[in-house]
Amino acid sequence: MDNYALLIQSMQQKKSCLCVGLDVELDLLPDEVKKAEDPIFEFNRQIIEATLPLTVAYKLNTAFYECLGAQGWETLEKTIRFIGKRALTIADAKRGDIGNTAKAYARTFFQHLNADAVTVSPFMGIDSLQPFLDYPNKWTIALGLTSNPGAADIQMQKLNTGEYLHEAAMTTMAKCAGPEQLMFVVGATRPAELKSLQQRFPNYFFLIPGVGAQGGTVAEVLQAMGPNPKALINASRSIIYASSGPDFALMAKNAAQNMQLEMAGYF
């Protein structure tokens, strides 16, 4: 069974489209975890074990690991291995380059780290995405319409065709790769555009950041996406930092469960 079918199966079984973002900062870890040999991995391990029955994917923003040097990269590797095939693993790296550089990035995340998916920036064009798309049964998750206010600076610019730039970019990418290999990032902070894009690309999964701290809501996203949503709704800080005390894993589970219960009625 390919990743597309496996993801749909997992979502139906768990009645969830939750993606937990493991964007971990040392300073925010509970005191007892800081005593571990690898504090971030220990934190991740407990969060994963607590939330796994409720989530279908984990997104690791590589910046939070790369900034720690070799130790951080080792923690990233260990975390992805620990998750294994129990949930979709997303390396949120937002890479984008051409030629051999893109090939090296693809090898890094798909061969070395063995992540199921990686986020990329399509700004340099299709040839910068192709090395990632050359890996069968892996996901390339391209930025479409992001959740940050600055998305209006470029992505919401209107072209002479009447399309917005992000719409034209997504259409171009969809002509080059099917929904079993390509996803799009679309922010939860733009529910009207999210609904329009879902209707335009009904078979493609969307990775949807921006719920919680950035102001998006699960209800708005699911109303836009409709029943059996092809969506991965990401939540990071609102789940992993639900508590800074010794009950952090339990509180993370409770926060994840609250989101899953809101999602369950759409499956």
C-alpha atoms as a PDB file:
ATOM      1  CA  MET A   1       0.000   0.000   0.000  1.00  0.00           C
ATOM      2  CA  ASP A   2       1.433   3.401  -0.973  1.00  0.00           C
ATOM      3  CA  ASN A   3       1.753   6.382   1.365  1.00  0.00           C
ATOM      4  CA  TYR A   4      -1.383   8.040  -0.034  1.00  0.00           C
ATOM      5  CA  ALA A   5      -3.564   5.037   0.775  1.00  0.00           C
ATOM      6  CA  LEU A   6      -1.841   4.489   4.123  1.00  0.00           C
ATOM      7  CA  LEU A   7      -2.440   8.083   5.156  1.00  0.00           C
ATOM      8  CA  ILE A   8      -6.120   7.916   4.265  1.00  0.00           C
ATOM      9  CA  GLN A   9      -6.425   4.606   6.144  1.00  0.00           C
ATOM     10  CA  SER A  10      -4.745   6.074   9.223  1.00  0.00           C
ATOM     11  CA  MET A  11      -7.010   9.128   9.158  1.00  0.00           C
ATOM     12  CA  GLN A  12     -10.127   6.981   8.905  1.00  0.00           C
ATOM     13  CA  GLN A  13      -9.028   4.665  11.707  1.00  0.00           C
ATOM     14  CA  LYS A  14      -8.091   7.487  14.075  1.00  0.00           C
ATOM     15  CA  LYS A  15     -10.784   9.885  12.853  1.00  0.00           C
ATOM     16  CA  SER A  16      -8.082  12.497  12.859  1.00  0.00           C
ATOM     17  CA  CYS A  17      -6.125  14.762  10.553  1.00  0.00           C
ATOM     18  CA  LEU A  18      -3.869  16.037  13.306  1.00  0.00           C
ATOM     19  CA  CYS A  19      -0.196  16.712  12.644  1.00  0.00           C
ATOM     20  CA  VAL A  20       1.861  17.460  15.757  1.00  0.00           C
ATOM     21  CA  GLY A  21       4.734  19.863  15.208  1.00  0.00           C
ATOM     22  CA  LEU A  22       7.848  18.941  17.175  1.00  0.00           C
ATOM     23  CA  ASP A  23       9.344  22.440  17.094  1.00  0.00           C
ATOM     24  CA  VAL A  24      11.282  22.034  20.312  1.00  0.00           C
ATOM     25  CA  GLU A  25      13.388  24.654  22.094  1.00  0.00           C
ATOM     26  CA  LEU A  26      15.740  23.723  24.929  1.00  0.00           C
ATOM     27  CA  ASP A  27      14.770  26.713  27.071  1.00  0.00           C
ATOM     28  CA  LEU A  28      11.111  25.661  27.076  1.00  0.00           C
ATOM     29  CA  LEU A  29      11.639  22.067  28.204  1.00  0.00           C
ATOM     30  CA  PRO A  30      10.346  20.914  31.606  1.00  0.00           C
ATOM     31  CA  ASP A  31      13.080  20.825  34.239  1.00  0.00           C
ATOM     32  CA  GLU A  32      13.056  17.044  34.702  1.00  0.00           C
ATOM     33  CA  VAL A  33      13.576  16.450  30.971  1.00  0.00           C
ATOM     34  CA  LYS A  34      16.564  18.791  30.899  1.00  0.00           C
ATOM     35  CA  LYS A  35      18.432  16.253  33.054  1.00  0.00           C
ATOM     36  CA  ALA A  36      18.295  13.579  30.330  1.00  0.00           C
ATOM     37  CA  GLU A  37      21.346  12.734  28.208  1.00  0.00           C
ATOM     38  CA  ASP A  38      19.483  13.993  25.114  1.00  0.00           C
ATOM     39  CA  PRO A  39      16.803  16.300  26.541  1.00  0.00           C
ATOM     40  CA  ILE A  40      15.031  17.114  23.276  1.00  0.00           C
ATOM     41  CA  PHE A  41      14.823  13.477  22.214  1.00  0.00           C
ATOM     42  CA  GLU A  42      13.458  12.488  25.624  1.00  0.00           C
ATOM     43  CA  PHE A  43      10.866  15.257  25.364  1.00  0.00           C
ATOM     44  CA  ASN A  44       9.944  14.181  21.822  1.00  0.00           C
ATOM     45  CA  ARG A  45       9.723  10.531  22.870  1.00  0.00           C
ATOM     46  CA  GLN A  46       7.241  11.241  25.627  1.00  0.00           C
ATOM     47  CA  ILE A  47       5.173  13.600  23.462  1.00  0.00           C
ATOM     48  CA  ILE A  48       5.023  11.011  20.654  1.00  0.00           C
ATOM     49  CA  GLU A  49       4.036   8.148  22.956  1.00  0.00           C
ATOM     50  CA  ALA A  50       1.292  10.284  24.506  1.00  0.00           C
ATOM     51  CA  THR A  51      -0.173  11.634  21.253  1.00  0.00           C
ATOM     52  CA  LEU A  52       0.357   8.780  18.776  1.00  0.00           C
ATOM     53  CA  PRO A  53      -3.190   7.332  19.104  1.00  0.00           C
ATOM     54  CA  LEU A  54      -4.587  10.749  18.169  1.00  0.00           C
ATOM     55  CA  THR A  55      -2.295  11.983  15.401  1.00  0.00           C
ATOM     56  CA  VAL A  56      -1.491  10.821  11.876  1.00  0.00           C
ATOM     57  CA  ALA A  57       1.704  12.830  11.289  1.00  0.00           C
ATOM     58  CA  TYR A  58       4.601  14.543  13.016  1.00  0.00           C
ATOM     59  CA  LYS A  59       6.311  17.584  11.534  1.00  0.00           C
ATOM     60  CA  LEU A  60       9.851  18.359  12.630  1.00  0.00           C
ATOM     61  CA  ASN A  61      10.947  21.871  11.768  1.00  0.00           C
ATOM     62  CA  THR A  62      14.593  21.200  11.051  1.00  0.00           C
ATOM     63  CA  ALA A  63      15.693  24.716  12.065  1.00  0.00           C
ATOM     64  CA  PHE A  64      15.139  23.873  15.742  1.00  0.00           C
ATOM     65  CA  TYR A  65      17.535  20.924  15.393  1.00  0.00           C
ATOM     66  CA  GLU A  66      20.088  22.334  12.956  1.00  0.00           C
ATOM     67  CA  CYS A  67      20.738  25.329  15.218  1.00  0.00           C
ATOM     68  CA  LEU A  68      22.145  22.907  17.811  1.00  0.00           C
ATOM     69  CA  GLY A  69      24.828  21.560  15.496  1.00  0.00           C
ATOM     70  CA  ALA A  70      25.792  17.895  15.362  1.00  0.00           C
ATOM     71  CA  GLN A  71      23.836  17.023  18.526  1.00  0.00           C
ATOM     72  CA  GLY A  72      20.678  18.550  17.114  1.00  0.00           C
ATOM     73  CA  TRP A  73      21.014  16.638  13.850  1.00  0.00           C
ATOM     74  CA  GLU A  74      21.495  13.405  15.805  1.00  0.00           C
ATOM     75  CA  THR A  75      18.334  14.146  17.771  1.00  0.00           C
ATOM     76  CA  LEU A  76      16.448  14.750  14.535  1.00  0.00           C
ATOM     77  CA  GLU A  77      17.594  11.375  13.193  1.00  0.00           C
ATOM     78  CA  LYS A  78      16.712   9.566  16.420  1.00  0.00           C
ATOM     79  CA  THR A  79      13.252  11.116  16.537  1.00  0.00           C
ATOM     80  CA  ILE A  80      12.383  10.126  12.967  1.00  0.00           C
ATOM     81  CA  ARG A  81      13.632   6.583  13.622  1.00  0.00           C
ATOM     82  CA  PHE A  82      11.573   6.411  16.811  1.00  0.00           C
ATOM     83  CA  ILE A  83       8.379   7.359  14.968  1.00  0.00           C
ATOM     84  CA  GLY A  84       9.180   4.870  12.207  1.00  0.00           C
ATOM     85  CA  LYS A  85       6.140   3.895  10.163  1.00  0.00           C
ATOM     86  CA  ARG A  86       3.682   4.482  12.985  1.00  0.00           C
ATOM     87  CA  ALA A  87       2.879   7.947  11.597  1.00  0.00           C
ATOM     88  CA  LEU A  88       3.866  10.119   8.658  1.00  0.00           C
ATOM     89  CA  THR A  89       7.155  11.930   9.287  1.00  0.00           C
ATOM     90  CA  ILE A  90       7.598  15.377   7.752  1.00  0.00           C
ATOM     91  CA  ALA A  91      10.959  17.144   7.639  1.00  0.00           C
ATOM     92  CA  ASP A  92       9.919  20.777   7.572  1.00  0.00           C
ATOM     93  CA  ALA A  93      13.033  22.110   5.875  1.00  0.00           C
ATOM     94  CA  LYS A  94      11.592  24.406   3.170  1.00  0.00           C
ATOM     95  CA  ARG A  95      14.491  23.651   0.851  1.00  0.00           C
ATOM     96  CA  GLY A  96      14.647  25.039  -2.671  1.00  0.00           C
ATOM     97  CA  ASP A  97      17.579  25.012  -5.051  1.00  0.00           C
ATOM     98  CA  ILE A  98      18.599  23.716  -8.479  1.00  0.00           C
ATOM     99  CA  GLY A  99      20.610  20.868  -9.980  1.00  0.00           C
ATOM    100  CA  ASN A 100      22.969  18.863  -7.822  1.00  0.00           C
ATOM    101  CA  THR A 101      22.111  20.928  -4.752  1.00  0.00           C
ATOM    102  CA  ALA A 102      18.447  19.887  -4.907  1.00  0.00           C
ATOM    103  CA  LYS A 103      19.509  16.293  -5.467  1.00  0.00           C
ATOM    104  CA  ALA A 104      21.695  16.458  -2.362  1.00  0.00           C
ATOM    105  CA  TYR A 105      18.827  17.861  -0.304  1.00  0.00           C
ATOM    106  CA  ALA A 106      16.555  15.076  -1.543  1.00  0.00           C
ATOM    107  CA  ARG A 107      19.145  12.441  -0.590  1.00  0.00           C
ATOM    108  CA  THR A 108      19.529  14.038   2.831  1.00  0.00           C
ATOM    109  CA  PHE A 109      15.876  13.867   3.768  1.00  0.00           C
ATOM    110  CA  PHE A 110      14.646  10.836   1.845  1.00  0.00           C
ATOM    111  CA  GLN A 111      17.670   8.520   2.019  1.00  0.00           C
ATOM    112  CA  HIS A 112      19.714   9.571   5.030  1.00  0.00           C
ATOM    113  CA  LEU A 113      16.907  10.634   7.368  1.00  0.00           C
ATOM    114  CA  ASN A 114      14.294   8.393   5.710  1.00  0.00           C
ATOM    115  CA  ALA A 115      11.571  10.987   6.261  1.00  0.00           C
ATOM    116  CA  ASP A 116       8.285  10.341   4.485  1.00  0.00           C
ATOM    117  CA  ALA A 117       7.968  13.952   3.342  1.00  0.00           C
ATOM    118  CA  VAL A 118       9.878  17.204   3.078  1.00  0.00           C
ATOM    119  CA  THR A 119       8.672  20.773   2.629  1.00  0.00           C
ATOM    120  CA  VAL A 120      10.134  22.732  -0.274  1.00  0.00           C
ATOM    121  CA  SER A 121       9.946  26.219  -1.724  1.00  0.00           C
ATOM    122  CA  PRO A 122       8.916  26.216  -5.421  1.00  0.00           C
ATOM    123  CA  PHE A 123      10.166  29.744  -6.084  1.00  0.00           C
ATOM    124  CA  MET A 124      12.993  28.537  -8.358  1.00  0.00           C
ATOM    125  CA  GLY A 125      10.683  26.459 -10.537  1.00  0.00           C
ATOM    126  CA  ILE A 126       9.871  22.862 -11.381  1.00  0.00           C
ATOM    127  CA  ASP A 127      13.483  21.798 -11.926  1.00  0.00           C
ATOM    128  CA  SER A 128      14.148  22.609  -8.268  1.00  0.00           C
ATOM    129  CA  LEU A 129      11.316  20.226  -7.246  1.00  0.00           C
ATOM    130  CA  GLN A 130      12.068  17.395  -9.657  1.00  0.00           C
ATOM    131  CA  PRO A 131      14.914  15.782  -7.643  1.00  0.00           C
ATOM    132  CA  PHE A 132      12.443  15.327  -4.754  1.00  0.00           C
ATOM    133  CA  LEU A 133       9.712  14.027  -7.057  1.00  0.00           C
ATOM    134  CA  ASP A 134      12.142  11.437  -8.417  1.00  0.00           C
ATOM    135  CA  TYR A 135      11.671   9.484  -5.178  1.00  0.00           C
ATOM    136  CA  PRO A 136       8.623   7.210  -5.502  1.00  0.00           C
ATOM    137  CA  ASN A 137       6.355   6.814  -2.491  1.00  0.00           C
ATOM    138  CA  LYS A 138       7.709   9.977  -0.865  1.00  0.00           C
ATOM    139  CA  TRP A 139       5.890  13.281  -0.449  1.00  0.00           C
ATOM    140  CA  THR A 140       7.111  16.645  -1.691  1.00  0.00           C
ATOM    141  CA  ILE A 141       5.192  19.342   0.182  1.00  0.00           C
ATOM    142  CA  ALA A 142       5.409  22.626  -1.708  1.00  0.00           C
ATOM    143  CA  LEU A 143       4.628  26.031  -0.270  1.00  0.00           C
ATOM    144  CA  GLY A 144       1.382  27.333  -1.711  1.00  0.00           C
ATOM    145  CA  LEU A 145      -0.310  30.024   0.367  1.00  0.00           C
ATOM    146  CA  THR A 146       1.366  30.338   3.739  1.00  0.00           C
ATOM    147  CA  SER A 147      -0.107  31.447   7.068  1.00  0.00           C
ATOM    148  CA  ASN A 148       2.181  34.419   7.774  1.00  0.00           C
ATOM    149  CA  PRO A 149       1.068  38.022   7.075  1.00  0.00           C
ATOM    150  CA  GLY A 150       3.949  38.445   4.611  1.00  0.00           C
ATOM    151  CA  ALA A 151       2.273  35.966   2.246  1.00  0.00           C
ATOM    152  CA  ALA A 152       0.427  38.980   0.855  1.00  0.00           C
ATOM    153  CA  ASP A 153       3.702  40.503  -0.334  1.00  0.00           C
ATOM    154  CA  ILE A 154       4.282  37.937  -3.091  1.00  0.00           C
ATOM    155  CA  GLN A 155       1.911  34.969  -2.963  1.00  0.00           C
ATOM    156  CA  MET A 156      -1.254  37.122  -3.147  1.00  0.00           C
ATOM    157  CA  GLN A 157      -0.060  39.242  -6.067  1.00  0.00           C
ATOM    158  CA  LYS A 158      -2.533  39.128  -8.964  1.00  0.00           C
ATOM    159  CA  LEU A 159      -1.299  38.215 -12.438  1.00  0.00           C
ATOM    160  CA  ASN A 160      -2.541  39.488 -15.800  1.00  0.00           C
ATOM    161  CA  THR A 161      -4.423  36.200 -16.195  1.00  0.00           C
ATOM    162  CA  GLY A 162      -6.582  37.083 -13.197  1.00  0.00           C
ATOM    163  CA  GLU A 163      -5.008  34.349 -11.083  1.00  0.00           C
ATOM    164  CA  TYR A 164      -3.118  34.962  -7.905  1.00  0.00           C
ATOM    165  CA  LEU A 165       0.538  34.004  -8.003  1.00  0.00           C
ATOM    166  CA  HIS A 166       0.060  31.132  -5.564  1.00  0.00           C
ATOM    167  CA  GLU A 167      -2.782  29.721  -7.683  1.00  0.00           C
ATOM    168  CA  ALA A 168      -0.660  29.792 -10.831  1.00  0.00           C
ATOM    169  CA  ALA A 169       2.274  28.194  -9.003  1.00  0.00           C
ATOM    170  CA  MET A 170       0.113  25.402  -7.585  1.00  0.00           C
ATOM    171  CA  THR A 171      -1.475  24.752 -10.990  1.00  0.00           C
ATOM    172  CA  THR A 172       1.957  24.471 -12.597  1.00  0.00           C
ATOM    173  CA  MET A 173       3.152  22.046  -9.942  1.00  0.00           C
ATOM    174  CA  ALA A 174      -0.002  19.925 -10.149  1.00  0.00           C
ATOM    175  CA  LYS A 175       0.651  19.422 -13.870  1.00  0.00           C
ATOM    176  CA  CYS A 176       4.008  17.846 -13.010  1.00  0.00           C
ATOM    177  CA  ALA A 177       3.093  15.569 -10.098  1.00  0.00           C
ATOM    178  CA  GLY A 178       0.017  13.743  -8.903  1.00  0.00           C
ATOM    179  CA  PRO A 179      -1.534  13.794  -5.428  1.00  0.00           C
ATOM    180  CA  GLU A 180       0.289  10.614  -4.408  1.00  0.00           C
ATOM    181  CA  GLN A 181       3.603  12.545  -4.479  1.00  0.00           C
ATOM    182  CA  LEU A 182       2.755  16.197  -4.042  1.00  0.00           C
ATOM    183  CA  MET A 183       1.102  18.133  -1.214  1.00  0.00           C
ATOM    184  CA  PHE A 184       0.665  21.850  -0.734  1.00  0.00           C
ATOM    185  CA  VAL A 185       1.126  24.094   2.290  1.00  0.00           C
ATOM    186  CA  VAL A 186      -1.926  26.321   2.763  1.00  0.00           C
ATOM    187  CA  GLY A 187      -2.365  28.370   5.933  1.00  0.00           C
ATOM    188  CA  ALA A 188      -5.276  28.008   8.351  1.00  0.00           C
ATOM    189  CA  THR A 189      -5.363  31.784   8.672  1.00  0.00           C
ATOM    190  CA  ARG A 190      -6.933  32.070   5.193  1.00  0.00           C
ATOM    191  CA  PRO A 191     -10.126  29.936   5.312  1.00  0.00           C
ATOM    192  CA  ALA A 192     -11.788  31.541   2.274  1.00  0.00           C
ATOM    193  CA  GLU A 193      -8.766  30.896   0.084  1.00  0.00           C
ATOM    194  CA  LEU A 194      -8.398  27.439   1.616  1.00  0.00           C
ATOM    195  CA  LYS A 195     -11.917  26.514   0.503  1.00  0.00           C
ATOM    196  CA  SER A 196     -11.301  27.830  -3.007  1.00  0.00           C
ATOM    197  CA  LEU A 197      -8.015  25.918  -3.303  1.00  0.00           C
ATOM    198  CA  GLN A 198      -9.584  22.711  -1.994  1.00  0.00           C
ATOM    199  CA  GLN A 199     -12.197  22.925  -4.758  1.00  0.00           C
ATOM    200  CA  ARG A 200      -9.480  23.598  -7.314  1.00  0.00           C
ATOM    201  CA  PHE A 201      -7.219  20.732  -6.166  1.00  0.00           C
ATOM    202  CA  PRO A 202      -9.669  18.259  -4.598  1.00  0.00           C
ATOM    203  CA  ASN A 203      -7.399  15.203  -4.691  1.00  0.00           C
ATOM    204  CA  TYR A 204      -4.304  16.836  -3.209  1.00  0.00           C
ATOM    205  CA  PHE A 205      -3.496  16.836   0.482  1.00  0.00           C
ATOM    206  CA  PHE A 206      -2.868  20.170   2.173  1.00  0.00           C
ATOM    207  CA  LEU A 207      -0.493  20.630   5.091  1.00  0.00           C
ATOM    208  CA  ILE A 208      -2.203  23.353   7.106  1.00  0.00           C
ATOM    209  CA  PRO A 209      -0.193  25.347   9.657  1.00  0.00           C
ATOM    210  CA  GLY A 210      -1.452  28.370  11.547  1.00  0.00           C
ATOM    211  CA  VAL A 211      -3.919  26.808  14.001  1.00  0.00           C
ATOM    212  CA  GLY A 212      -3.618  28.044  17.555  1.00  0.00           C
ATOM    213  CA  ALA A 213      -0.957  30.662  18.236  1.00  0.00           C
ATOM    214  CA  GLN A 214      -1.229  32.147  14.721  1.00  0.00           C
ATOM    215  CA  GLY A 215      -5.009  32.568  14.965  1.00  0.00           C
ATOM    216  CA  GLY A 216      -6.453  29.831  12.753  1.00  0.00           C
ATOM    217  CA  THR A 217      -9.079  27.426  14.096  1.00  0.00           C
ATOM    218  CA  VAL A 218      -9.815  23.755  13.470  1.00  0.00           C
ATOM    219  CA  ALA A 219     -13.484  24.554  12.860  1.00  0.00           C
ATOM    220  CA  GLU A 220     -12.736  27.055  10.095  1.00  0.00           C
ATOM    221  CA  VAL A 221     -10.323  24.671   8.403  1.00  0.00           C
ATOM    222  CA  LEU A 222     -12.698  21.710   8.472  1.00  0.00           C
ATOM    223  CA  GLN A 223     -15.639  23.780   7.261  1.00  0.00           C
ATOM    224  CA  ALA A 224     -13.485  24.859   4.331  1.00  0.00           C
ATOM    225  CA  MET A 225     -12.197  21.344   3.584  1.00  0.00           C
ATOM    226  CA  GLY A 226     -15.478  19.447   3.970  1.00  0.00           C
ATOM    227  CA  PRO A 227     -16.052  15.789   4.942  1.00  0.00           C
ATOM    228  CA  ASN A 228     -13.134  13.327   4.878  1.00  0.00           C
ATOM    229  CA  PRO A 229     -10.717  16.243   4.560  1.00  0.00           C
ATOM    230  CA  LYS A 230      -7.477  15.684   2.692  1.00  0.00           C
ATOM    231  CA  ALA A 231      -5.687  17.816   5.234  1.00  0.00           C
ATOM    232  CA  LEU A 232      -2.965  17.611   7.831  1.00  0.00           C
ATOM    233  CA  ILE A 233      -3.799  20.264  10.411  1.00  0.00           C
ATOM    234  CA  ASN A 234      -0.607  21.129  12.215  1.00  0.00           C
ATOM    235  CA  ALA A 235      -0.433  22.241  15.821  1.00  0.00           C
ATOM    236  CA  SER A 236       2.874  22.747  17.583  1.00  0.00           C
ATOM    237  CA  ARG A 237       3.120  25.009  20.615  1.00  0.00           C
ATOM    238  CA  SER A 238      -0.495  24.549  21.711  1.00  0.00           C
ATOM    239  CA  ILE A 239       0.151  20.819  22.132  1.00  0.00           C
ATOM    240  CA  ILE A 240       3.788  20.269  23.026  1.00  0.00           C
ATOM    241  CA  TYR A 241       3.885  23.186  25.481  1.00  0.00           C
ATOM    242  CA  ALA A 242       0.441  22.608  26.984  1.00  0.00           C
ATOM    243  CA  SER A 243       2.269  22.268  30.306  1.00  0.00           C
ATOM    244  CA  SER A 244       5.792  23.038  31.477  1.00  0.00           C
ATOM    245  CA  GLY A 245       5.508  20.762  34.489  1.00  0.00           C
ATOM    246  CA  PRO A 246       6.005  17.031  35.067  1.00  0.00           C
ATOM    247  CA  ASP A 247       2.562  16.385  33.542  1.00  0.00           C
ATOM    248  CA  PHE A 248       3.652  17.813  30.152  1.00  0.00           C
ATOM    249  CA  ALA A 249       3.036  14.562  28.230  1.00  0.00           C
ATOM    250  CA  LEU A 250      -0.413  14.049  29.736  1.00  0.00           C
ATOM    251  CA  MET A 251      -1.393  17.648  29.021  1.00  0.00           C
ATOM    252  CA  ALA A 252      -0.096  17.296  25.457  1.00  0.00           C
ATOM    253  CA  LYS A 253      -2.288  14.219  25.075  1.00  0.00           C
ATOM    254  CA  ASN A 254      -5.296  16.137  26.399  1.00  0.00           C
ATOM    255  CA  ALA A 255      -4.673  19.022  24.006  1.00  0.00           C
ATOM    256  CA  ALA A 256      -4.305  16.605  21.090  1.00  0.00           C
ATOM    257  CA  GLN A 257      -7.463  14.782  22.126  1.00  0.00           C
ATOM    258  CA  ASN A 258      -9.448  18.019  22.194  1.00  0.00           C
ATOM    259  CA  MET A 259      -8.413  18.676  18.603  1.00  0.00           C
ATOM    260  CA  GLN A 260      -9.060  15.079  17.517  1.00  0.00           C
ATOM    261  CA  LEU A 261     -12.573  15.172  18.987  1.00  0.00           C
ATOM    262  CA  GLU A 262     -13.283  18.305  16.966  1.00  0.00           C
ATOM    263  CA  MET A 263     -12.029  16.532  13.840  1.00  0.00           C
ATOM    264  CA  ALA A 264     -13.814  13.214  14.391  1.00  0.00           C
ATOM    265  CA  GLY A 265     -17.203  14.393  13.141  1.00  0.00           C
ATOM    266  CA  TYR A 266     -15.774  15.046   9.683  1.00  0.00           C
ATOM    267  CA  PHE A 267     -14.794  11.398   9.122  1.00  0.00           C
END
